[in-house]
């Protein structure tokens, strides 16, 4: 099961009052921790299905266009090295 495509976000949501809310990943962990042992096997199948489905989804036309623009940049030599990028952005 490789779910790299999905990557559950780790961005904290901020409520109207400014209080920090749980991330989606934290909420999933909380829910799993509350499950009785008798439900663990079924619960495990849900993210496995999501990951399997993610691998079968076709890329959107916007994503394909973005990939093509990147490939065109590479063919035209519009690239920089990692070292140049690090210098440019102070990384």
PDB file of N, CA and C in Angstrom:
ATOM      1  N   UNK A   1       0.854  -1.181   0.000  1.00  0.00           N
ATOM      2  CA  UNK A   1       0.000   0.000   0.000  1.00  0.00           C
ATOM      3  C   UNK A   1       0.889   1.229   0.000  1.00  0.00           C
ATOM      4  N   UNK A   2       0.914   1.946  -1.118  1.00  0.00           N
ATOM      5  CA  UNK A   2       1.686   3.167  -1.207  1.00  0.00           C
ATOM      6  C   UNK A   2       0.709   4.312  -1.390  1.00  0.00           C
ATOM      7  N   UNK A   3       0.567   5.116  -0.369  1.00  0.00           N
ATOM      8  CA  UNK A   3      -0.439   6.167  -0.414  1.00  0.00           C
ATOM      9  C   UNK A   3       0.209   7.534  -0.576  1.00  0.00           C
ATOM     10  N   UNK A   4       1.362   7.584  -1.180  1.00  0.00           N
ATOM     11  CA  UNK A   4       2.061   8.843  -1.339  1.00  0.00           C
ATOM     12  C   UNK A   4       1.275   9.890  -2.103  1.00  0.00           C
ATOM     13  N   UNK A   5       0.398   9.466  -2.979  1.00  0.00           N
ATOM     14  CA  UNK A   5      -0.393  10.406  -3.758  1.00  0.00           C
ATOM     15  C   UNK A   5      -1.322  11.210  -2.864  1.00  0.00           C
ATOM     16  N   UNK A   6      -1.858  10.554  -1.854  1.00  0.00           N
ATOM     17  CA  UNK A   6      -2.833  11.218  -0.990  1.00  0.00           C
ATOM     18  C   UNK A   6      -2.197  12.150   0.005  1.00  0.00           C
ATOM     19  N   UNK A   7      -1.188  11.678   0.761  1.00  0.00           N
ATOM     20  CA  UNK A   7      -0.501  12.503   1.738  1.00  0.00           C
ATOM     21  C   UNK A   7      -1.434  13.297   2.619  1.00  0.00           C
ATOM     22  N   UNK A   8      -1.921  12.713   3.657  1.00  0.00           N
ATOM     23  CA  UNK A   8      -2.832  13.419   4.555  1.00  0.00           C
ATOM     24  C   UNK A   8      -2.152  14.667   5.071  1.00  0.00           C
ATOM     25  N   UNK A   9      -2.803  15.801   4.949  1.00  0.00           N
ATOM     26  CA  UNK A   9      -2.214  17.089   5.292  1.00  0.00           C
ATOM     27  C   UNK A   9      -1.920  17.260   6.762  1.00  0.00           C
ATOM     28  N   UNK A  10      -0.887  18.023   7.034  1.00  0.00           N
ATOM     29  CA  UNK A  10      -0.507  18.295   8.410  1.00  0.00           C
ATOM     30  C   UNK A  10      -0.697  19.770   8.739  1.00  0.00           C
ATOM     31  N   UNK A  11      -1.546  20.439   8.000  1.00  0.00           N
ATOM     32  CA  UNK A  11      -1.791  21.848   8.247  1.00  0.00           C
ATOM     33  C   UNK A  11      -2.857  21.980   9.322  1.00  0.00           C
ATOM     34  N   UNK A  12      -2.556  22.759  10.349  1.00  0.00           N
ATOM     35  CA  UNK A  12      -3.539  22.968  11.411  1.00  0.00           C
ATOM     36  C   UNK A  12      -4.605  23.945  10.937  1.00  0.00           C
ATOM     37  N   UNK A  13      -5.833  23.635  11.249  1.00  0.00           N
ATOM     38  CA  UNK A  13      -6.931  24.535  10.933  1.00  0.00           C
ATOM     39  C   UNK A  13      -7.109  25.489  12.105  1.00  0.00           C
ATOM     40  N   UNK A  14      -7.392  26.729  11.823  1.00  0.00           N
ATOM     41  CA  UNK A  14      -7.580  27.724  12.873  1.00  0.00           C
ATOM     42  C   UNK A  14      -9.057  28.111  12.890  1.00  0.00           C
ATOM     43  N   UNK A  15      -9.649  28.019  14.062  1.00  0.00           N
ATOM     44  CA  UNK A  15     -11.060  28.362  14.214  1.00  0.00           C
ATOM     45  C   UNK A  15     -11.270  29.856  14.209  1.00  0.00           C
ATOM     46  N   UNK A  16     -12.518  30.265  14.245  1.00  0.00           N
ATOM     47  CA  UNK A  16     -12.841  31.691  14.233  1.00  0.00           C
ATOM     48  C   UNK A  16     -12.245  32.416  15.428  1.00  0.00           C
ATOM     49  N   UNK A  17     -12.136  31.746  16.544  1.00  0.00           N
ATOM     50  CA  UNK A  17     -11.606  32.373  17.747  1.00  0.00           C
ATOM     51  C   UNK A  17     -10.084  32.308  17.789  1.00  0.00           C
ATOM     52  N   UNK A  18      -9.454  31.691  16.771  1.00  0.00           N
ATOM     53  CA  UNK A  18      -8.015  31.594  16.718  1.00  0.00           C
ATOM     54  C   UNK A  18      -7.456  30.357  17.400  1.00  0.00           C
ATOM     55  N   UNK A  19      -8.334  29.499  17.950  1.00  0.00           N
ATOM     56  CA  UNK A  19      -7.833  28.289  18.602  1.00  0.00           C
ATOM     57  C   UNK A  19      -7.407  27.283  17.545  1.00  0.00           C
ATOM     58  N   UNK A  20      -6.378  26.523  17.862  1.00  0.00           N
ATOM     59  CA  UNK A  20      -5.859  25.530  16.934  1.00  0.00           C
ATOM     60  C   UNK A  20      -6.788  24.321  16.915  1.00  0.00           C
ATOM     61  N   UNK A  21      -7.121  23.853  15.730  1.00  0.00           N
ATOM     62  CA  UNK A  21      -7.953  22.662  15.551  1.00  0.00           C
ATOM     63  C   UNK A  21      -7.052  21.492  15.184  1.00  0.00           C
ATOM     64  N   UNK A  22      -7.572  20.287  15.365  1.00  0.00           N
ATOM     65  CA  UNK A  22      -6.819  19.091  14.991  1.00  0.00           C
ATOM     66  C   UNK A  22      -6.642  19.024  13.484  1.00  0.00           C
ATOM     67  N   UNK A  23      -5.491  18.497  13.046  1.00  0.00           N
ATOM     68  CA  UNK A  23      -5.315  18.235  11.624  1.00  0.00           C
ATOM     69  C   UNK A  23      -6.177  17.029  11.262  1.00  0.00           C
ATOM     70  N   UNK A  24      -6.364  16.834   9.981  1.00  0.00           N
ATOM     71  CA  UNK A  24      -7.130  15.670   9.525  1.00  0.00           C
ATOM     72  C   UNK A  24      -6.455  14.386   9.989  1.00  0.00           C
ATOM     73  N   UNK A  25      -5.141  14.351   9.929  1.00  0.00           N
ATOM     74  CA  UNK A  25      -4.402  13.164  10.344  1.00  0.00           C
ATOM     75  C   UNK A  25      -4.574  12.910  11.847  1.00  0.00           C
ATOM     76  N   UNK A  26      -4.498  13.966  12.627  1.00  0.00           N
ATOM     77  CA  UNK A  26      -4.690  13.824  14.080  1.00  0.00           C
ATOM     78  C   UNK A  26      -6.098  13.332  14.396  1.00  0.00           C
ATOM     79  N   UNK A  27      -7.082  13.854  13.680  1.00  0.00           N
ATOM     80  CA  UNK A  27      -8.469  13.433  13.886  1.00  0.00           C
ATOM     81  C   UNK A  27      -8.638  11.959  13.517  1.00  0.00           C
ATOM     82  N   UNK A  28      -8.023  11.527  12.419  1.00  0.00           N
ATOM     83  CA  UNK A  28      -8.081  10.114  12.044  1.00  0.00           C
ATOM     84  C   UNK A  28      -7.457   9.236  13.127  1.00  0.00           C
ATOM     85  N   UNK A  29      -6.318   9.657  13.647  1.00  0.00           N
ATOM     86  CA  UNK A  29      -5.673   8.893  14.723  1.00  0.00           C
ATOM     87  C   UNK A  29      -6.586   8.807  15.950  1.00  0.00           C
ATOM     88  N   UNK A  30      -7.213   9.922  16.279  1.00  0.00           N
ATOM     89  CA  UNK A  30      -8.110   9.950  17.439  1.00  0.00           C
ATOM     90  C   UNK A  30      -9.259   8.968  17.248  1.00  0.00           C
ATOM     91  N   UNK A  31      -9.835   8.976  16.059  1.00  0.00           N
ATOM     92  CA  UNK A  31     -10.952   8.073  15.784  1.00  0.00           C
ATOM     93  C   UNK A  31     -10.519   6.614  15.824  1.00  0.00           C
ATOM     94  N   UNK A  32      -9.365   6.317  15.247  1.00  0.00           N
ATOM     95  CA  UNK A  32      -8.869   4.938  15.257  1.00  0.00           C
ATOM     96  C   UNK A  32      -8.606   4.488  16.693  1.00  0.00           C
ATOM     97  N   UNK A  33      -8.039   5.366  17.491  1.00  0.00           N
ATOM     98  CA  UNK A  33      -7.755   5.016  18.885  1.00  0.00           C
ATOM     99  C   UNK A  33      -9.020   4.689  19.675  1.00  0.00           C
ATOM    100  N   UNK A  34     -10.155   5.202  19.249  1.00  0.00           N
ATOM    101  CA  UNK A  34     -11.420   4.952  19.947  1.00  0.00           C
ATOM    102  C   UNK A  34     -12.113   3.671  19.488  1.00  0.00           C
ATOM    103  N   UNK A  35     -11.652   3.081  18.388  1.00  0.00           N
ATOM    104  CA  UNK A  35     -12.302   1.877  17.871  1.00  0.00           C
ATOM    105  C   UNK A  35     -12.084   0.678  18.789  1.00  0.00           C
ATOM    106  N   UNK A  36     -13.115  -0.130  18.966  1.00  0.00           N
ATOM    107  CA  UNK A  36     -12.925  -1.383  19.703  1.00  0.00           C
ATOM    108  C   UNK A  36     -12.101  -2.351  18.848  1.00  0.00           C
ATOM    109  N   UNK A  37     -11.361  -3.220  19.484  1.00  0.00           N
ATOM    110  CA  UNK A  37     -10.493  -4.169  18.788  1.00  0.00           C
ATOM    111  C   UNK A  37     -11.251  -4.979  17.746  1.00  0.00           C
ATOM    112  N   UNK A  38     -12.506  -5.224  17.990  1.00  0.00           N
ATOM    113  CA  UNK A  38     -13.294  -6.030  17.047  1.00  0.00           C
ATOM    114  C   UNK A  38     -13.470  -5.330  15.698  1.00  0.00           C
ATOM    115  N   UNK A  39     -13.218  -4.028  15.612  1.00  0.00           N
ATOM    116  CA  UNK A  39     -13.397  -3.264  14.372  1.00  0.00           C
ATOM    117  C   UNK A  39     -12.080  -2.954  13.659  1.00  0.00           C
ATOM    118  N   UNK A  40     -10.943  -3.335  14.240  1.00  0.00           N
ATOM    119  CA  UNK A  40      -9.651  -2.967  13.667  1.00  0.00           C
ATOM    120  C   UNK A  40      -9.461  -3.483  12.250  1.00  0.00           C
ATOM    121  N   UNK A  41      -9.794  -4.726  12.000  1.00  0.00           N
ATOM    122  CA  UNK A  41      -9.564  -5.301  10.672  1.00  0.00           C
ATOM    123  C   UNK A  41     -10.390  -4.571   9.618  1.00  0.00           C
ATOM    124  N   UNK A  42     -11.645  -4.289   9.939  1.00  0.00           N
ATOM    125  CA  UNK A  42     -12.496  -3.552   8.993  1.00  0.00           C
ATOM    126  C   UNK A  42     -11.946  -2.136   8.780  1.00  0.00           C
ATOM    127  N   UNK A  43     -11.558  -1.479   9.853  1.00  0.00           N
ATOM    128  CA  UNK A  43     -11.048  -0.110   9.751  1.00  0.00           C
ATOM    129  C   UNK A  43      -9.787  -0.057   8.896  1.00  0.00           C
ATOM    130  N   UNK A  44      -8.959  -1.067   8.963  1.00  0.00           N
ATOM    131  CA  UNK A  44      -7.728  -1.125   8.189  1.00  0.00           C
ATOM    132  C   UNK A  44      -8.026  -1.178   6.694  1.00  0.00           C
ATOM    133  N   UNK A  45      -9.132  -1.791   6.323  1.00  0.00           N
ATOM    134  CA  UNK A  45      -9.453  -1.938   4.901  1.00  0.00           C
ATOM    135  C   UNK A  45      -9.844  -0.610   4.249  1.00  0.00           C
ATOM    136  N   UNK A  46     -10.335   0.344   5.025  1.00  0.00           N
ATOM    137  CA  UNK A  46     -10.796   1.607   4.442  1.00  0.00           C
ATOM    138  C   UNK A  46      -9.638   2.399   3.835  1.00  0.00           C
ATOM    139  N   UNK A  47      -8.569   2.714   4.585  1.00  0.00           N
ATOM    140  CA  UNK A  47      -7.471   3.447   3.939  1.00  0.00           C
ATOM    141  C   UNK A  47      -6.770   2.627   2.855  1.00  0.00           C
ATOM    142  N   UNK A  48      -6.750   1.310   3.012  1.00  0.00           N
ATOM    143  CA  UNK A  48      -6.156   0.476   1.962  1.00  0.00           C
ATOM    144  C   UNK A  48      -6.924   0.644   0.657  1.00  0.00           C
ATOM    145  N   UNK A  49      -8.244   0.670   0.734  1.00  0.00           N
ATOM    146  CA  UNK A  49      -9.075   0.877  -0.457  1.00  0.00           C
ATOM    147  C   UNK A  49      -8.831   2.242  -1.067  1.00  0.00           C
ATOM    148  N   UNK A  50      -8.749   3.266  -0.218  1.00  0.00           N
ATOM    149  CA  UNK A  50      -8.496   4.619  -0.718  1.00  0.00           C
ATOM    150  C   UNK A  50      -7.165   4.687  -1.453  1.00  0.00           C
ATOM    151  N   UNK A  51      -6.153   4.060  -0.903  1.00  0.00           N
ATOM    152  CA  UNK A  51      -4.836   4.066  -1.540  1.00  0.00           C
ATOM    153  C   UNK A  51      -4.863   3.297  -2.851  1.00  0.00           C
ATOM    154  N   UNK A  52      -5.527   2.168  -2.870  1.00  0.00           N
ATOM    155  CA  UNK A  52      -5.622   1.390  -4.097  1.00  0.00           C
ATOM    156  C   UNK A  52      -6.351   2.184  -5.178  1.00  0.00           C
ATOM    157  N   UNK A  53      -7.443   2.853  -4.795  1.00  0.00           N
ATOM    158  CA  UNK A  53      -8.210   3.652  -5.748  1.00  0.00           C
ATOM    159  C   UNK A  53      -7.394   4.828  -6.271  1.00  0.00           C
ATOM    160  N   UNK A  54      -6.575   5.432  -5.405  1.00  0.00           N
ATOM    161  CA  UNK A  54      -5.790   6.600  -5.806  1.00  0.00           C
ATOM    162  C   UNK A  54      -4.826   6.252  -6.928  1.00  0.00           C
ATOM    163  N   UNK A  55      -4.301   5.048  -6.920  1.00  0.00           N
ATOM    164  CA  UNK A  55      -3.365   4.632  -7.953  1.00  0.00           C
ATOM    165  C   UNK A  55      -4.042   4.457  -9.306  1.00  0.00           C
ATOM    166  N   UNK A  56      -5.348   4.245  -9.323  1.00  0.00           N
ATOM    167  CA  UNK A  56      -6.085   3.987 -10.559  1.00  0.00           C
ATOM    168  C   UNK A  56      -6.720   5.236 -11.165  1.00  0.00           C
ATOM    169  N   UNK A  57      -6.695   6.346 -10.446  1.00  0.00           N
ATOM    170  CA  UNK A  57      -7.361   7.549 -10.941  1.00  0.00           C
ATOM    171  C   UNK A  57      -6.560   8.189 -12.069  1.00  0.00           C
ATOM    172  N   UNK A  58      -7.225   8.574 -13.135  1.00  0.00           N
ATOM    173  CA  UNK A  58      -6.506   9.276 -14.213  1.00  0.00           C
ATOM    174  C   UNK A  58      -6.139  10.691 -13.753  1.00  0.00           C
ATOM    175  N   UNK A  59      -5.048  11.212 -14.302  1.00  0.00           N
ATOM    176  CA  UNK A  59      -4.648  12.579 -13.972  1.00  0.00           C
ATOM    177  C   UNK A  59      -5.590  13.556 -14.651  1.00  0.00           C
ATOM    178  N   UNK A  60      -5.841  14.686 -14.004  1.00  0.00           N
ATOM    179  CA  UNK A  60      -6.728  15.698 -14.580  1.00  0.00           C
ATOM    180  C   UNK A  60      -6.033  16.373 -15.756  1.00  0.00           C
ATOM    181  N   UNK A  61      -6.820  17.016 -16.595  1.00  0.00           N
ATOM    182  CA  UNK A  61      -6.247  17.726 -17.745  1.00  0.00           C
ATOM    183  C   UNK A  61      -5.325  18.849 -17.278  1.00  0.00           C
ATOM    184  N   UNK A  62      -5.659  19.483 -16.147  1.00  0.00           N
ATOM    185  CA  UNK A  62      -4.799  20.536 -15.602  1.00  0.00           C
ATOM    186  C   UNK A  62      -3.451  19.972 -15.169  1.00  0.00           C
ATOM    187  N   UNK A  63      -3.470  18.816 -14.526  1.00  0.00           N
ATOM    188  CA  UNK A  63      -2.223  18.183 -14.092  1.00  0.00           C
ATOM    189  C   UNK A  63      -1.390  17.764 -15.290  1.00  0.00           C
ATOM    190  N   UNK A  64      -2.036  17.163 -16.290  1.00  0.00           N
ATOM    191  CA  UNK A  64      -1.308  16.757 -17.492  1.00  0.00           C
ATOM    192  C   UNK A  64      -0.695  17.964 -18.205  1.00  0.00           C
ATOM    193  N   UNK A  65      -1.428  19.072 -18.257  1.00  0.00           N
ATOM    194  CA  UNK A  65      -0.910  20.290 -18.892  1.00  0.00           C
ATOM    195  C   UNK A  65       0.285  20.832 -18.114  1.00  0.00           C
ATOM    196  N   UNK A  66       0.211  20.787 -16.796  1.00  0.00           N
ATOM    197  CA  UNK A  66       1.312  21.254 -15.960  1.00  0.00           C
ATOM    198  C   UNK A  66       2.563  20.400 -16.171  1.00  0.00           C
ATOM    199  N   UNK A  67       2.370  19.097 -16.255  1.00  0.00           N
ATOM    200  CA  UNK A  67       3.494  18.192 -16.512  1.00  0.00           C
ATOM    201  C   UNK A  67       4.101  18.507 -17.871  1.00  0.00           C
ATOM    202  N   UNK A  68       3.276  18.706 -18.874  1.00  0.00           N
ATOM    203  CA  UNK A  68       3.771  19.014 -20.213  1.00  0.00           C
ATOM    204  C   UNK A  68       4.557  20.325 -20.218  1.00  0.00           C
ATOM    205  N   UNK A  69       4.073  21.353 -19.498  1.00  0.00           N
ATOM    206  CA  UNK A  69       4.814  22.622 -19.418  1.00  0.00           C
ATOM    207  C   UNK A  69       6.188  22.398 -18.784  1.00  0.00           C
ATOM    208  N   UNK A  70       6.239  21.566 -17.751  1.00  0.00           N
ATOM    209  CA  UNK A  70       7.517  21.262 -17.110  1.00  0.00           C
ATOM    210  C   UNK A  70       8.466  20.539 -18.056  1.00  0.00           C
ATOM    211  N   UNK A  71       7.939  19.588 -18.805  1.00  0.00           N
ATOM    212  CA  UNK A  71       8.768  18.871 -19.776  1.00  0.00           C
ATOM    213  C   UNK A  71       9.270  19.807 -20.878  1.00  0.00           C
ATOM    214  N   UNK A  72       8.418  20.740 -21.306  1.00  0.00           N
ATOM    215  CA  UNK A  72       8.838  21.730 -22.308  1.00  0.00           C
ATOM    216  C   UNK A  72       9.966  22.595 -21.758  1.00  0.00           C
ATOM    217  N   UNK A  73       9.853  23.003 -20.502  1.00  0.00           N
ATOM    218  CA  UNK A  73      10.926  23.779 -19.866  1.00  0.00           C
ATOM    219  C   UNK A  73      12.231  23.000 -19.858  1.00  0.00           C
ATOM    220  N   UNK A  74      12.160  21.726 -19.540  1.00  0.00           N
ATOM    221  CA  UNK A  74      13.368  20.893 -19.514  1.00  0.00           C
ATOM    222  C   UNK A  74      13.969  20.803 -20.913  1.00  0.00           C
ATOM    223  N   UNK A  75      13.137  20.541 -21.926  1.00  0.00           N
ATOM    224  CA  UNK A  75      13.626  20.434 -23.306  1.00  0.00           C
ATOM    225  C   UNK A  75      14.258  21.744 -23.778  1.00  0.00           C
ATOM    226  N   UNK A  76      13.705  22.874 -23.317  1.00  0.00           N
ATOM    227  CA  UNK A  76      14.214  24.185 -23.736  1.00  0.00           C
ATOM    228  C   UNK A  76      15.389  24.640 -22.878  1.00  0.00           C
ATOM    229  N   UNK A  77      15.775  23.834 -21.898  1.00  0.00           N
ATOM    230  CA  UNK A  77      16.915  24.194 -21.062  1.00  0.00           C
ATOM    231  C   UNK A  77      16.593  25.201 -19.975  1.00  0.00           C
ATOM    232  N   UNK A  78      15.312  25.408 -19.705  1.00  0.00           N
ATOM    233  CA  UNK A  78      14.911  26.356 -18.652  1.00  0.00           C
ATOM    234  C   UNK A  78      14.909  25.630 -17.303  1.00  0.00           C
ATOM    235  N   UNK A  79      16.103  25.310 -16.852  1.00  0.00           N
ATOM    236  CA  UNK A  79      16.264  24.604 -15.583  1.00  0.00           C
ATOM    237  C   UNK A  79      17.394  25.254 -14.795  1.00  0.00           C
ATOM    238  N   UNK A  80      17.433  24.988 -13.495  1.00  0.00           N
ATOM    239  CA  UNK A  80      18.557  25.404 -12.665  1.00  0.00           C
ATOM    240  C   UNK A  80      18.957  24.212 -11.803  1.00  0.00           C
ATOM    241  N   UNK A  81      20.168  24.239 -11.316  1.00  0.00           N
ATOM    242  CA  UNK A  81      20.638  23.158 -10.455  1.00  0.00           C
ATOM    243  C   UNK A  81      20.066  23.335  -9.058  1.00  0.00           C
ATOM    244  N   UNK A  82      20.144  22.281  -8.270  1.00  0.00           N
ATOM    245  CA  UNK A  82      19.703  22.353  -6.880  1.00  0.00           C
ATOM    246  C   UNK A  82      20.499  23.414  -6.133  1.00  0.00           C
ATOM    247  N   UNK A  83      21.807  23.486  -6.393  1.00  0.00           N
ATOM    248  CA  UNK A  83      22.651  24.475  -5.729  1.00  0.00           C
ATOM    249  C   UNK A  83      22.204  25.899  -6.064  1.00  0.00           C
ATOM    250  N   UNK A  84      21.847  26.150  -7.329  1.00  0.00           N
ATOM    251  CA  UNK A  84      21.361  27.472  -7.726  1.00  0.00           C
ATOM    252  C   UNK A  84      20.052  27.810  -7.020  1.00  0.00           C
ATOM    253  N   UNK A  85      19.176  26.849  -6.942  1.00  0.00           N
ATOM    254  CA  UNK A  85      17.892  27.050  -6.250  1.00  0.00           C
ATOM    255  C   UNK A  85      18.121  27.378  -4.775  1.00  0.00           C
ATOM    256  N   UNK A  86      19.016  26.637  -4.130  1.00  0.00           N
ATOM    257  CA  UNK A  86      19.307  26.878  -2.708  1.00  0.00           C
ATOM    258  C   UNK A  86      19.889  28.273  -2.496  1.00  0.00           C
ATOM    259  N   UNK A  87      20.801  28.696  -3.400  1.00  0.00           N
ATOM    260  CA  UNK A  87      21.370  30.036  -3.277  1.00  0.00           C
ATOM    261  C   UNK A  87      20.291  31.101  -3.478  1.00  0.00           C
ATOM    262  N   UNK A  88      19.461  30.908  -4.480  1.00  0.00           N
ATOM    263  CA  UNK A  88      18.426  31.877  -4.828  1.00  0.00           C
ATOM    264  C   UNK A  88      17.446  32.093  -3.672  1.00  0.00           C
ATOM    265  N   UNK A  89      17.050  30.989  -3.001  1.00  0.00           N
ATOM    266  CA  UNK A  89      16.050  31.074  -1.942  1.00  0.00           C
ATOM    267  C   UNK A  89      16.632  30.983  -0.536  1.00  0.00           C
ATOM    268  N   UNK A  90      17.953  30.980  -0.437  1.00  0.00           N
ATOM    269  CA  UNK A  90      18.599  30.982   0.870  1.00  0.00           C
ATOM    270  C   UNK A  90      18.345  29.743   1.692  1.00  0.00           C
ATOM    271  N   UNK A  91      18.259  28.636   1.028  1.00  0.00           N
ATOM    272  CA  UNK A  91      17.996  27.367   1.730  1.00  0.00           C
ATOM    273  C   UNK A  91      19.287  26.718   2.127  1.00  0.00           C
TER     274      UNK A  91
END
